Amino acid sequence: QVQLVESGGGLVQPGGSLRLSCAASGSIASINAMGWYRQPPGKQRDLVADITSGGSTNYAGSVKDRFTISRDNAKNTVYLQMNSLKPEDTAVYYCRYRGSRSFAWYDYWGQGTQVTVSS
């Protein structure tokens, strides 16, 4: 079992910054990936960025030059630094954990944190 707790969301003006955190607890697999997904109002949930236990990263094209994902394995925490925020970034942001053992993958989601970019 893995539990995920997200924090750091809020209301910011366009051009501002936010830092999201996701703390994982429980049985963390040595081979894993953690990432952030977002769901704007009335839209589907899509990948923002993810990072593997080996440090490989992947970003959505719309955020690649503005967001940075990182992780602290000692704290079992993944971060998303969001700069130059735009109104189009408004969404509920969800943390995701995927862990592998043999060929079985385990998938867990956080509850989500609201990010609103508005003047």
PDB file of N, CA and C in Angstrom:
ATOM      1  N   GLN A   1       0.833  -1.191   0.000  1.00  0.00           N
ATOM      2  CA  GLN A   1       0.000   0.000   0.000  1.00  0.00           C
ATOM      3  C   GLN A   1       0.876   1.252   0.000  1.00  0.00           C
ATOM      4  N   VAL A   2       0.477   2.226  -0.798  1.00  0.00           N
ATOM      5  CA  VAL A   2       1.155   3.508  -0.874  1.00  0.00           C
ATOM      6  C   VAL A   2       0.123   4.605  -0.670  1.00  0.00           C
ATOM      7  N   GLN A   3       0.458   5.561   0.172  1.00  0.00           N
ATOM      8  CA  GLN A   3      -0.399   6.713   0.408  1.00  0.00           C
ATOM      9  C   GLN A   3       0.292   7.969  -0.112  1.00  0.00           C
ATOM     10  N   LEU A   4      -0.467   8.849  -0.755  1.00  0.00           N
ATOM     11  CA  LEU A   4       0.062  10.070  -1.340  1.00  0.00           C
ATOM     12  C   LEU A   4      -0.671  11.272  -0.764  1.00  0.00           C
ATOM     13  N   VAL A   5       0.082  12.269  -0.325  1.00  0.00           N
ATOM     14  CA  VAL A   5      -0.480  13.491   0.224  1.00  0.00           C
ATOM     15  C   VAL A   5       0.089  14.675  -0.539  1.00  0.00           C
ATOM     16  N   GLU A   6      -0.779  15.427  -1.205  1.00  0.00           N
ATOM     17  CA  GLU A   6      -0.376  16.571  -2.001  1.00  0.00           C
ATOM     18  C   GLU A   6      -0.565  17.872  -1.228  1.00  0.00           C
ATOM     19  N   SER A   7       0.256  18.863  -1.558  1.00  0.00           N
ATOM     20  CA  SER A   7       0.131  20.176  -0.956  1.00  0.00           C
ATOM     21  C   SER A   7       0.754  21.217  -1.885  1.00  0.00           C
ATOM     22  N   GLY A   8       0.453  22.481  -1.635  1.00  0.00           N
ATOM     23  CA  GLY A   8       1.077  23.572  -2.353  1.00  0.00           C
ATOM     24  C   GLY A   8       0.203  24.294  -3.356  1.00  0.00           C
ATOM     25  N   GLY A   9      -0.992  23.802  -3.601  1.00  0.00           N
ATOM     26  CA  GLY A   9      -1.874  24.471  -4.532  1.00  0.00           C
ATOM     27  C   GLY A   9      -2.412  25.771  -3.969  1.00  0.00           C
ATOM     28  N   GLY A  10      -3.034  26.555  -4.840  1.00  0.00           N
ATOM     29  CA  GLY A  10      -3.597  27.817  -4.406  1.00  0.00           C
ATOM     30  C   GLY A  10      -3.929  28.717  -5.569  1.00  0.00           C
ATOM     31  N   LEU A  11      -4.176  29.978  -5.252  1.00  0.00           N
ATOM     32  CA  LEU A  11      -4.527  31.001  -6.232  1.00  0.00           C
ATOM     33  C   LEU A  11      -3.332  31.913  -6.462  1.00  0.00           C
ATOM     34  N   VAL A  12      -2.953  32.078  -7.726  1.00  0.00           N
ATOM     35  CA  VAL A  12      -1.851  32.966  -8.099  1.00  0.00           C
ATOM     36  C   VAL A  12      -2.242  33.783  -9.319  1.00  0.00           C
ATOM     37  N   GLN A  13      -1.567  34.909  -9.493  1.00  0.00           N
ATOM     38  CA  GLN A  13      -1.779  35.742 -10.667  1.00  0.00           C
ATOM     39  C   GLN A  13      -0.970  35.231 -11.850  1.00  0.00           C
ATOM     40  N   PRO A  14      -1.398  35.522 -13.065  1.00  0.00           N
ATOM     41  CA  PRO A  14      -0.594  35.137 -14.227  1.00  0.00           C
ATOM     42  C   PRO A  14       0.838  35.640 -14.101  1.00  0.00           C
ATOM     43  N   GLY A  15       1.777  34.779 -14.461  1.00  0.00           N
ATOM     44  CA  GLY A  15       3.183  35.095 -14.322  1.00  0.00           C
ATOM     45  C   GLY A  15       3.787  34.691 -12.994  1.00  0.00           C
ATOM     46  N   GLY A  16       2.960  34.292 -12.053  1.00  0.00           N
ATOM     47  CA  GLY A  16       3.433  33.892 -10.741  1.00  0.00           C
ATOM     48  C   GLY A  16       3.946  32.469 -10.712  1.00  0.00           C
ATOM     49  N   SER A  17       4.306  32.022  -9.504  1.00  0.00           N
ATOM     50  CA  SER A  17       4.894  30.702  -9.320  1.00  0.00           C
ATOM     51  C   SER A  17       4.234  29.967  -8.165  1.00  0.00           C
ATOM     52  N   LEU A  18       4.238  28.652  -8.260  1.00  0.00           N
ATOM     53  CA  LEU A  18       3.804  27.772  -7.189  1.00  0.00           C
ATOM     54  C   LEU A  18       4.707  26.556  -7.168  1.00  0.00           C
ATOM     55  N   ARG A  19       4.818  25.943  -6.003  1.00  0.00           N
ATOM     56  CA  ARG A  19       5.583  24.718  -5.836  1.00  0.00           C
ATOM     57  C   ARG A  19       4.679  23.670  -5.200  1.00  0.00           C
ATOM     58  N   LEU A  20       4.404  22.613  -5.941  1.00  0.00           N
ATOM     59  CA  LEU A  20       3.590  21.519  -5.443  1.00  0.00           C
ATOM     60  C   LEU A  20       4.477  20.435  -4.845  1.00  0.00           C
ATOM     61  N   SER A  21       3.983  19.795  -3.798  1.00  0.00           N
ATOM     62  CA  SER A  21       4.688  18.698  -3.160  1.00  0.00           C
ATOM     63  C   SER A  21       3.762  17.499  -3.045  1.00  0.00           C
ATOM     64  N   CYS A  22       4.342  16.317  -3.156  1.00  0.00           N
ATOM     65  CA  CYS A  22       3.607  15.072  -2.972  1.00  0.00           C
ATOM     66  C   CYS A  22       4.476  14.137  -2.156  1.00  0.00           C
ATOM     67  N   ALA A  23       4.025  13.834  -0.955  1.00  0.00           N
ATOM     68  CA  ALA A  23       4.753  12.949  -0.059  1.00  0.00           C
ATOM     69  C   ALA A  23       4.141  11.556  -0.099  1.00  0.00           C
ATOM     70  N   ALA A  24       4.968  10.568  -0.367  1.00  0.00           N
ATOM     71  CA  ALA A  24       4.533   9.183  -0.435  1.00  0.00           C
ATOM     72  C   ALA A  24       4.969   8.428   0.807  1.00  0.00           C
ATOM     73  N   SER A  25       4.120   7.536   1.257  1.00  0.00           N
ATOM     74  CA  SER A  25       4.448   6.689   2.393  1.00  0.00           C
ATOM     75  C   SER A  25       3.930   5.284   2.136  1.00  0.00           C
ATOM     76  N   GLY A  26       4.485   4.323   2.847  1.00  0.00           N
ATOM     77  CA  GLY A  26       4.116   2.939   2.665  1.00  0.00           C
ATOM     78  C   GLY A  26       5.252   2.145   2.046  1.00  0.00           C
ATOM     79  N   SER A  27       4.903   1.129   1.295  1.00  0.00           N
ATOM     80  CA  SER A  27       5.894   0.249   0.681  1.00  0.00           C
ATOM     81  C   SER A  27       6.283   0.787  -0.695  1.00  0.00           C
ATOM     82  N   ILE A  28       7.362   1.569  -0.722  1.00  0.00           N
ATOM     83  CA  ILE A  28       7.831   2.195  -1.956  1.00  0.00           C
ATOM     84  C   ILE A  28       8.782   1.228  -2.665  1.00  0.00           C
ATOM     85  N   ALA A  29       8.463   0.886  -3.898  1.00  0.00           N
ATOM     86  CA  ALA A  29       9.311   0.002  -4.681  1.00  0.00           C
ATOM     87  C   ALA A  29      10.565   0.729  -5.138  1.00  0.00           C
ATOM     88  N   SER A  30      11.660  -0.006  -5.241  1.00  0.00           N
ATOM     89  CA  SER A  30      12.904   0.606  -5.689  1.00  0.00           C
ATOM     90  C   SER A  30      12.811   1.065  -7.143  1.00  0.00           C
ATOM     91  N   ILE A  31      12.034   0.370  -7.940  1.00  0.00           N
ATOM     92  CA  ILE A  31      11.766   0.773  -9.320  1.00  0.00           C
ATOM     93  C   ILE A  31      10.386   1.406  -9.361  1.00  0.00           C
ATOM     94  N   ASN A  32      10.350   2.688  -9.618  1.00  0.00           N
ATOM     95  CA  ASN A  32       9.071   3.381  -9.583  1.00  0.00           C
ATOM     96  C   ASN A  32       9.125   4.647 -10.418  1.00  0.00           C
ATOM     97  N   ALA A  33       7.957   5.227 -10.604  1.00  0.00           N
ATOM     98  CA  ALA A  33       7.838   6.525 -11.251  1.00  0.00           C
ATOM     99  C   ALA A  33       6.788   7.327 -10.510  1.00  0.00           C
ATOM    100  N   MET A  34       7.042   8.603 -10.358  1.00  0.00           N
ATOM    101  CA  MET A  34       6.077   9.504  -9.757  1.00  0.00           C
ATOM    102  C   MET A  34       5.886  10.689 -10.682  1.00  0.00           C
ATOM    103  N   GLY A  35       4.683  11.193 -10.716  1.00  0.00           N
ATOM    104  CA  GLY A  35       4.419  12.289 -11.625  1.00  0.00           C
ATOM    105  C   GLY A  35       3.216  13.105 -11.235  1.00  0.00           C
ATOM    106  N   TRP A  36       3.023  14.157 -12.010  1.00  0.00           N
ATOM    107  CA  TRP A  36       1.901  15.059 -11.833  1.00  0.00           C
ATOM    108  C   TRP A  36       1.029  15.055 -13.075  1.00  0.00           C
ATOM    109  N   TYR A  37      -0.247  14.952 -12.864  1.00  0.00           N
ATOM    110  CA  TYR A  37      -1.251  15.045 -13.905  1.00  0.00           C
ATOM    111  C   TYR A  37      -2.217  16.162 -13.541  1.00  0.00           C
ATOM    112  N   ARG A  38      -2.889  16.706 -14.525  1.00  0.00           N
ATOM    113  CA  ARG A  38      -3.840  17.766 -14.228  1.00  0.00           C
ATOM    114  C   ARG A  38      -5.119  17.584 -15.024  1.00  0.00           C
ATOM    115  N   GLN A  39      -6.193  18.082 -14.459  1.00  0.00           N
ATOM    116  CA  GLN A  39      -7.508  17.982 -15.065  1.00  0.00           C
ATOM    117  C   GLN A  39      -8.196  19.345 -14.992  1.00  0.00           C
ATOM    118  N   PRO A  40      -8.189  20.105 -16.090  1.00  0.00           N
ATOM    119  CA  PRO A  40      -8.930  21.367 -16.125  1.00  0.00           C
ATOM    120  C   PRO A  40     -10.430  21.105 -16.053  1.00  0.00           C
ATOM    121  N   PRO A  41     -11.208  22.115 -15.696  1.00  0.00           N
ATOM    122  CA  PRO A  41     -12.663  21.929 -15.647  1.00  0.00           C
ATOM    123  C   PRO A  41     -13.207  21.460 -16.986  1.00  0.00           C
ATOM    124  N   GLY A  42     -13.980  20.395 -16.964  1.00  0.00           N
ATOM    125  CA  GLY A  42     -14.597  19.869 -18.164  1.00  0.00           C
ATOM    126  C   GLY A  42     -13.673  19.136 -19.112  1.00  0.00           C
ATOM    127  N   LYS A  43     -12.420  18.910 -18.717  1.00  0.00           N
ATOM    128  CA  LYS A  43     -11.441  18.250 -19.577  1.00  0.00           C
ATOM    129  C   LYS A  43     -10.973  16.938 -18.956  1.00  0.00           C
ATOM    130  N   GLN A  44     -10.257  16.142 -19.744  1.00  0.00           N
ATOM    131  CA  GLN A  44      -9.702  14.890 -19.257  1.00  0.00           C
ATOM    132  C   GLN A  44      -8.427  15.134 -18.466  1.00  0.00           C
ATOM    133  N   ARG A  45      -8.005  14.113 -17.741  1.00  0.00           N
ATOM    134  CA  ARG A  45      -6.777  14.192 -16.965  1.00  0.00           C
ATOM    135  C   ARG A  45      -5.587  13.823 -17.842  1.00  0.00           C
ATOM    136  N   ASP A  46      -4.595  14.705 -17.903  1.00  0.00           N
ATOM    137  CA  ASP A  46      -3.444  14.509 -18.767  1.00  0.00           C
ATOM    138  C   ASP A  46      -2.146  14.665 -17.985  1.00  0.00           C
ATOM    139  N   LEU A  47      -1.095  14.066 -18.528  1.00  0.00           N
ATOM    140  CA  LEU A  47       0.236  14.154 -17.927  1.00  0.00           C
ATOM    141  C   LEU A  47       0.759  15.583 -17.971  1.00  0.00           C
ATOM    142  N   VAL A  48       1.336  16.031 -16.859  1.00  0.00           N
ATOM    143  CA  VAL A  48       2.105  17.266 -16.804  1.00  0.00           C
ATOM    144  C   VAL A  48       3.595  16.942 -16.863  1.00  0.00           C
ATOM    145  N   ALA A  49       4.046  16.108 -15.944  1.00  0.00           N
ATOM    146  CA  ALA A  49       5.445  15.693 -15.896  1.00  0.00           C
ATOM    147  C   ALA A  49       5.563  14.470 -15.004  1.00  0.00           C
ATOM    148  N   ASP A  50       6.533  13.624 -15.284  1.00  0.00           N
ATOM    149  CA  ASP A  50       6.832  12.525 -14.387  1.00  0.00           C
ATOM    150  C   ASP A  50       8.332  12.299 -14.311  1.00  0.00           C
ATOM    151  N   ILE A  51       8.734  11.521 -13.324  1.00  0.00           N
ATOM    152  CA  ILE A  51      10.143  11.262 -13.076  1.00  0.00           C
ATOM    153  C   ILE A  51      10.282   9.859 -12.518  1.00  0.00           C
ATOM    154  N   THR A  52      11.246   9.109 -13.022  1.00  0.00           N
ATOM    155  CA  THR A  52      11.465   7.741 -12.576  1.00  0.00           C
ATOM    156  C   THR A  52      12.437   7.709 -11.412  1.00  0.00           C
ATOM    157  N   SER A  53      12.535   6.530 -10.783  1.00  0.00           N
ATOM    158  CA  SER A  53      13.500   6.354  -9.708  1.00  0.00           C
ATOM    159  C   SER A  53      14.925   6.533 -10.198  1.00  0.00           C
ATOM    160  N   GLY A  54      15.154   6.346 -11.494  1.00  0.00           N
ATOM    161  CA  GLY A  54      16.463   6.572 -12.076  1.00  0.00           C
ATOM    162  C   GLY A  54      16.737   8.007 -12.471  1.00  0.00           C
ATOM    163  N   GLY A  55      15.741   8.878 -12.341  1.00  0.00           N
ATOM    164  CA  GLY A  55      15.935  10.289 -12.622  1.00  0.00           C
ATOM    165  C   GLY A  55      15.507  10.749 -13.997  1.00  0.00           C
ATOM    166  N   SER A  56      14.998   9.857 -14.827  1.00  0.00           N
ATOM    167  CA  SER A  56      14.517  10.262 -16.143  1.00  0.00           C
ATOM    168  C   SER A  56      13.224  11.048 -16.014  1.00  0.00           C
ATOM    169  N   THR A  57      13.086  12.108 -16.802  1.00  0.00           N
ATOM    170  CA  THR A  57      11.916  12.975 -16.735  1.00  0.00           C
ATOM    171  C   THR A  57      11.205  13.040 -18.070  1.00  0.00           C
ATOM    172  N   ASN A  58       9.942  13.385 -17.998  1.00  0.00           N
ATOM    173  CA  ASN A  58       9.121  13.562 -19.178  1.00  0.00           C
ATOM    174  C   ASN A  58       8.144  14.696 -18.900  1.00  0.00           C
ATOM    175  N   TYR A  59       7.974  15.606 -19.875  1.00  0.00           N
ATOM    176  CA  TYR A  59       7.119  16.768 -19.709  1.00  0.00           C
ATOM    177  C   TYR A  59       6.139  16.884 -20.856  1.00  0.00           C
ATOM    178  N   ALA A  60       4.967  17.390 -20.541  1.00  0.00           N
ATOM    179  CA  ALA A  60       4.065  17.821 -21.584  1.00  0.00           C
ATOM    180  C   ALA A  60       4.669  19.025 -22.304  1.00  0.00           C
ATOM    181  N   GLY A  61       4.438  19.109 -23.602  1.00  0.00           N
ATOM    182  CA  GLY A  61       5.026  20.182 -24.376  1.00  0.00           C
ATOM    183  C   GLY A  61       4.627  21.568 -23.900  1.00  0.00           C
ATOM    184  N   SER A  62       3.427  21.703 -23.371  1.00  0.00           N
ATOM    185  CA  SER A  62       2.930  23.003 -22.953  1.00  0.00           C
ATOM    186  C   SER A  62       3.594  23.542 -21.691  1.00  0.00           C
ATOM    187  N   VAL A  63       4.306  22.690 -20.948  1.00  0.00           N
ATOM    188  CA  VAL A  63       4.916  23.120 -19.692  1.00  0.00           C
ATOM    189  C   VAL A  63       6.422  22.934 -19.668  1.00  0.00           C
ATOM    190  N   LYS A  64       6.989  22.381 -20.710  1.00  0.00           N
ATOM    191  CA  LYS A  64       8.392  21.960 -20.705  1.00  0.00           C
ATOM    192  C   LYS A  64       9.357  23.082 -20.337  1.00  0.00           C
ATOM    193  N   ASP A  65       9.116  24.283 -20.784  1.00  0.00           N
ATOM    194  CA  ASP A  65      10.023  25.405 -20.546  1.00  0.00           C
ATOM    195  C   ASP A  65       9.682  26.200 -19.292  1.00  0.00           C
ATOM    196  N   ARG A  66       8.632  25.794 -18.569  1.00  0.00           N
ATOM    197  CA  ARG A  66       8.190  26.570 -17.418  1.00  0.00           C
ATOM    198  C   ARG A  66       8.154  25.775 -16.117  1.00  0.00           C
ATOM    199  N   PHE A  67       7.936  24.465 -16.196  1.00  0.00           N
ATOM    200  CA  PHE A  67       7.801  23.625 -15.008  1.00  0.00           C
ATOM    201  C   PHE A  67       9.025  22.737 -14.858  1.00  0.00           C
ATOM    202  N   THR A  68       9.344  22.392 -13.612  1.00  0.00           N
ATOM    203  CA  THR A  68      10.440  21.489 -13.324  1.00  0.00           C
ATOM    204  C   THR A  68       9.992  20.465 -12.284  1.00  0.00           C
ATOM    205  N   ILE A  69      10.161  19.191 -12.610  1.00  0.00           N
ATOM    206  CA  ILE A  69       9.832  18.131 -11.670  1.00  0.00           C
ATOM    207  C   ILE A  69      11.129  17.614 -11.040  1.00  0.00           C
ATOM    208  N   SER A  70      11.063  17.289  -9.764  1.00  0.00           N
ATOM    209  CA  SER A  70      12.213  16.764  -9.049  1.00  0.00           C
ATOM    210  C   SER A  70      11.723  15.841  -7.941  1.00  0.00           C
ATOM    211  N   ARG A  71      12.646  15.093  -7.355  1.00  0.00           N
ATOM    212  CA  ARG A  71      12.261  14.199  -6.268  1.00  0.00           C
ATOM    213  C   ARG A  71      13.365  14.110  -5.231  1.00  0.00           C
ATOM    214  N   ASP A  72      12.952  13.836  -4.013  1.00  0.00           N
ATOM    215  CA  ASP A  72      13.849  13.630  -2.892  1.00  0.00           C
ATOM    216  C   ASP A  72      13.553  12.233  -2.370  1.00  0.00           C
ATOM    217  N   ASN A  73      14.390  11.283  -2.723  1.00  0.00           N
ATOM    218  CA  ASN A  73      14.123   9.896  -2.352  1.00  0.00           C
ATOM    219  C   ASN A  73      14.206   9.662  -0.846  1.00  0.00           C
ATOM    220  N   ALA A  74      15.037  10.434  -0.159  1.00  0.00           N
ATOM    221  CA  ALA A  74      15.134  10.296   1.293  1.00  0.00           C
ATOM    222  C   ALA A  74      13.827  10.655   1.974  1.00  0.00           C
ATOM    223  N   LYS A  75      13.081  11.585   1.384  1.00  0.00           N
ATOM    224  CA  LYS A  75      11.797  12.006   1.935  1.00  0.00           C
ATOM    225  C   LYS A  75      10.615  11.389   1.212  1.00  0.00           C
ATOM    226  N   ASN A  76      10.886  10.575   0.190  1.00  0.00           N
ATOM    227  CA  ASN A  76       9.824   9.981  -0.629  1.00  0.00           C
ATOM    228  C   ASN A  76       8.851  11.045  -1.128  1.00  0.00           C
ATOM    229  N   THR A  77       9.406  12.129  -1.633  1.00  0.00           N
ATOM    230  CA  THR A  77       8.612  13.277  -2.038  1.00  0.00           C
ATOM    231  C   THR A  77       8.981  13.711  -3.448  1.00  0.00           C
ATOM    232  N   VAL A  78       7.964  14.046  -4.226  1.00  0.00           N
ATOM    233  CA  VAL A  78       8.164  14.599  -5.547  1.00  0.00           C
ATOM    234  C   VAL A  78       7.638  16.031  -5.558  1.00  0.00           C
ATOM    235  N   TYR A  79       8.321  16.905  -6.302  1.00  0.00           N
ATOM    236  CA  TYR A  79       7.975  18.312  -6.359  1.00  0.00           C
ATOM    237  C   TYR A  79       7.700  18.728  -7.798  1.00  0.00           C
ATOM    238  N   LEU A  80       6.883  19.737  -7.932  1.00  0.00           N
ATOM    239  CA  LEU A  80       6.665  20.366  -9.225  1.00  0.00           C
ATOM    240  C   LEU A  80       6.775  21.873  -9.039  1.00  0.00           C
ATOM    241  N   GLN A  81       7.865  22.444  -9.532  1.00  0.00           N
ATOM    242  CA  GLN A  81       8.052  23.885  -9.506  1.00  0.00           C
ATOM    243  C   GLN A  81       7.424  24.467 -10.760  1.00  0.00           C
ATOM    244  N   MET A  82       6.450  25.339 -10.582  1.00  0.00           N
ATOM    245  CA  MET A  82       5.706  25.916 -11.689  1.00  0.00           C
ATOM    246  C   MET A  82       5.982  27.411 -11.746  1.00  0.00           C
ATOM    247  N   ASN A  83       6.579  27.855 -12.836  1.00  0.00           N
ATOM    248  CA  ASN A  83       6.891  29.258 -13.053  1.00  0.00           C
ATOM    249  C   ASN A  83       6.131  29.792 -14.259  1.00  0.00           C
ATOM    250  N   SER A  84       6.046  31.117 -14.342  1.00  0.00           N
ATOM    251  CA  SER A  84       5.370  31.776 -15.461  1.00  0.00           C
ATOM    252  C   SER A  84       3.991  31.185 -15.704  1.00  0.00           C
ATOM    253  N   LEU A  85       3.224  31.072 -14.652  1.00  0.00           N
ATOM    254  CA  LEU A  85       1.922  30.427 -14.741  1.00  0.00           C
ATOM    255  C   LEU A  85       0.962  31.225 -15.614  1.00  0.00           C
ATOM    256  N   LYS A  86       0.135  30.488 -16.330  1.00  0.00           N
ATOM    257  CA  LYS A  86      -0.852  31.051 -17.235  1.00  0.00           C
ATOM    258  C   LYS A  86      -2.247  30.625 -16.805  1.00  0.00           C
ATOM    259  N   PRO A  87      -3.272  31.379 -17.190  1.00  0.00           N
ATOM    260  CA  PRO A  87      -4.638  30.952 -16.868  1.00  0.00           C
ATOM    261  C   PRO A  87      -4.952  29.545 -17.377  1.00  0.00           C
ATOM    262  N   GLU A  88      -4.347  29.139 -18.487  1.00  0.00           N
ATOM    263  CA  GLU A  88      -4.570  27.806 -19.030  1.00  0.00           C
ATOM    264  C   GLU A  88      -4.020  26.700 -18.136  1.00  0.00           C
ATOM    265  N   ASP A  89      -3.195  27.047 -17.154  1.00  0.00           N
ATOM    266  CA  ASP A  89      -2.675  26.062 -16.212  1.00  0.00           C
ATOM    267  C   ASP A  89      -3.665  25.742 -15.096  1.00  0.00           C
ATOM    268  N   THR A  90      -4.759  26.462 -15.022  1.00  0.00           N
ATOM    269  CA  THR A  90      -5.750  26.228 -13.988  1.00  0.00           C
ATOM    270  C   THR A  90      -6.320  24.825 -14.110  1.00  0.00           C
ATOM    271  N   ALA A  91      -6.242  24.067 -13.019  1.00  0.00           N
ATOM    272  CA  ALA A  91      -6.692  22.682 -13.021  1.00  0.00           C
ATOM    273  C   ALA A  91      -6.543  22.109 -11.620  1.00  0.00           C
ATOM    274  N   VAL A  92      -7.114  20.933 -11.428  1.00  0.00           N
ATOM    275  CA  VAL A  92      -6.786  20.127 -10.266  1.00  0.00           C
ATOM    276  C   VAL A  92      -5.577  19.289 -10.634  1.00  0.00           C
ATOM    277  N   TYR A  93      -4.532  19.366  -9.824  1.00  0.00           N
ATOM    278  CA  TYR A  93      -3.299  18.643 -10.071  1.00  0.00           C
ATOM    279  C   TYR A  93      -3.241  17.411  -9.175  1.00  0.00           C
ATOM    280  N   TYR A  94      -2.980  16.261  -9.791  1.00  0.00           N
ATOM    281  CA  TYR A  94      -2.959  14.988  -9.093  1.00  0.00           C
ATOM    282  C   TYR A  94      -1.566  14.385  -9.125  1.00  0.00           C
ATOM    283  N   CYS A  95      -1.149  13.861  -7.990  1.00  0.00           N
ATOM    284  CA  CYS A  95       0.094  13.109  -7.899  1.00  0.00           C
ATOM    285  C   CYS A  95      -0.185  11.637  -8.199  1.00  0.00           C
ATOM    286  N   ARG A  96       0.728  10.997  -8.945  1.00  0.00           N
ATOM    287  CA  ARG A  96       0.596   9.591  -9.283  1.00  0.00           C
ATOM    288  C   ARG A  96       1.872   8.838  -8.945  1.00  0.00           C
ATOM    289  N   TYR A  97       1.692   7.664  -8.395  1.00  0.00           N
ATOM    290  CA  TYR A  97       2.799   6.764  -8.096  1.00  0.00           C
ATOM    291  C   TYR A  97       2.588   5.456  -8.844  1.00  0.00           C
ATOM    292  N   ARG A  98       3.645   4.967  -9.489  1.00  0.00           N
ATOM    293  CA  ARG A  98       3.648   3.661 -10.128  1.00  0.00           C
ATOM    294  C   ARG A  98       4.887   2.910  -9.674  1.00  0.00           C
ATOM    295  N   GLY A  99       4.681   1.724  -9.112  1.00  0.00           N
ATOM    296  CA  GLY A  99       5.778   0.906  -8.651  1.00  0.00           C
ATOM    297  C   GLY A  99       5.755  -0.452  -9.312  1.00  0.00           C
ATOM    298  N   SER A 100       6.947  -0.999  -9.552  1.00  0.00           N
ATOM    299  CA  SER A 100       7.074  -2.259 -10.279  1.00  0.00           C
ATOM    300  C   SER A 100       7.727  -3.325  -9.414  1.00  0.00           C
ATOM    301  N   ARG A 101       7.161  -4.507  -9.455  1.00  0.00           N
ATOM    302  CA  ARG A 101       7.750  -5.693  -8.864  1.00  0.00           C
ATOM    303  C   ARG A 101       7.520  -6.843  -9.835  1.00  0.00           C
ATOM    304  N   SER A 102       8.626  -7.447 -10.317  1.00  0.00           N
ATOM    305  CA  SER A 102       8.565  -8.391 -11.435  1.00  0.00           C
ATOM    306  C   SER A 102       7.919  -7.670 -12.614  1.00  0.00           C
ATOM    307  N   PHE A 103       6.843  -8.224 -13.163  1.00  0.00           N
ATOM    308  CA  PHE A 103       6.140  -7.582 -14.264  1.00  0.00           C
ATOM    309  C   PHE A 103       4.788  -7.031 -13.848  1.00  0.00           C
ATOM    310  N   ALA A 104       4.570  -6.909 -12.556  1.00  0.00           N
ATOM    311  CA  ALA A 104       3.341  -6.334 -12.047  1.00  0.00           C
ATOM    312  C   ALA A 104       3.575  -4.877 -11.660  1.00  0.00           C
ATOM    313  N   TRP A 105       2.690  -3.997 -12.078  1.00  0.00           N
ATOM    314  CA  TRP A 105       2.758  -2.584 -11.749  1.00  0.00           C
ATOM    315  C   TRP A 105       1.614  -2.205 -10.819  1.00  0.00           C
ATOM    316  N   TYR A 106       1.941  -1.362  -9.845  1.00  0.00           N
ATOM    317  CA  TYR A 106       0.961  -0.888  -8.872  1.00  0.00           C
ATOM    318  C   TYR A 106       0.798   0.612  -9.041  1.00  0.00           C
ATOM    319  N   ASP A 107      -0.438   1.071  -9.061  1.00  0.00           N
ATOM    320  CA  ASP A 107      -0.784   2.426  -9.451  1.00  0.00           C
ATOM    321  C   ASP A 107      -1.618   3.085  -8.349  1.00  0.00           C
ATOM    322  N   TYR A 108      -1.154   4.235  -7.869  1.00  0.00           N
ATOM    323  CA  TYR A 108      -1.852   4.966  -6.820  1.00  0.00           C
ATOM    324  C   TYR A 108      -1.950   6.438  -7.200  1.00  0.00           C
ATOM    325  N   TRP A 109      -3.050   7.069  -6.776  1.00  0.00           N
ATOM    326  CA  TRP A 109      -3.301   8.483  -7.044  1.00  0.00           C
ATOM    327  C   TRP A 109      -3.557   9.240  -5.753  1.00  0.00           C
ATOM    328  N   GLY A 110      -3.096  10.486  -5.718  1.00  0.00           N
ATOM    329  CA  GLY A 110      -3.451  11.368  -4.633  1.00  0.00           C
ATOM    330  C   GLY A 110      -4.837  11.947  -4.814  1.00  0.00           C
ATOM    331  N   GLN A 111      -5.277  12.714  -3.836  1.00  0.00           N
ATOM    332  CA  GLN A 111      -6.614  13.289  -3.866  1.00  0.00           C
ATOM    333  C   GLN A 111      -6.723  14.515  -4.766  1.00  0.00           C
ATOM    334  N   GLY A 112      -5.613  15.146  -5.080  1.00  0.00           N
ATOM    335  CA  GLY A 112      -5.603  16.312  -5.941  1.00  0.00           C
ATOM    336  C   GLY A 112      -5.518  17.610  -5.162  1.00  0.00           C
ATOM    337  N   THR A 113      -4.911  18.611  -5.780  1.00  0.00           N
ATOM    338  CA  THR A 113      -4.819  19.941  -5.198  1.00  0.00           C
ATOM    339  C   THR A 113      -5.137  20.973  -6.272  1.00  0.00           C
ATOM    340  N   GLN A 114      -5.942  21.955  -5.922  1.00  0.00           N
ATOM    341  CA  GLN A 114      -6.419  22.943  -6.887  1.00  0.00           C
ATOM    342  C   GLN A 114      -5.367  24.012  -7.140  1.00  0.00           C
ATOM    343  N   VAL A 115      -5.117  24.296  -8.413  1.00  0.00           N
ATOM    344  CA  VAL A 115      -4.280  25.414  -8.835  1.00  0.00           C
ATOM    345  C   VAL A 115      -5.134  26.329  -9.695  1.00  0.00           C
ATOM    346  N   THR A 116      -5.241  27.581  -9.284  1.00  0.00           N
ATOM    347  CA  THR A 116      -6.020  28.562 -10.022  1.00  0.00           C
ATOM    348  C   THR A 116      -5.132  29.745 -10.377  1.00  0.00           C
ATOM    349  N   VAL A 117      -5.055  30.063 -11.664  1.00  0.00           N
ATOM    350  CA  VAL A 117      -4.257  31.182 -12.158  1.00  0.00           C
ATOM    351  C   VAL A 117      -5.221  32.216 -12.710  1.00  0.00           C
ATOM    352  N   SER A 118      -5.338  33.333 -12.024  1.00  0.00           N
ATOM    353  CA  SER A 118      -6.321  34.342 -12.391  1.00  0.00           C
ATOM    354  C   SER A 118      -5.912  35.700 -11.844  1.00  0.00           C
ATOM    355  N   SER A 119      -6.258  36.745 -12.584  1.00  0.00           N
ATOM    356  CA  SER A 119      -6.045  38.101 -12.121  1.00  0.00           C
ATOM    357  C   SER A 119      -7.279  38.645 -11.429  1.00  0.00           C
TER     358      SER A 119
END
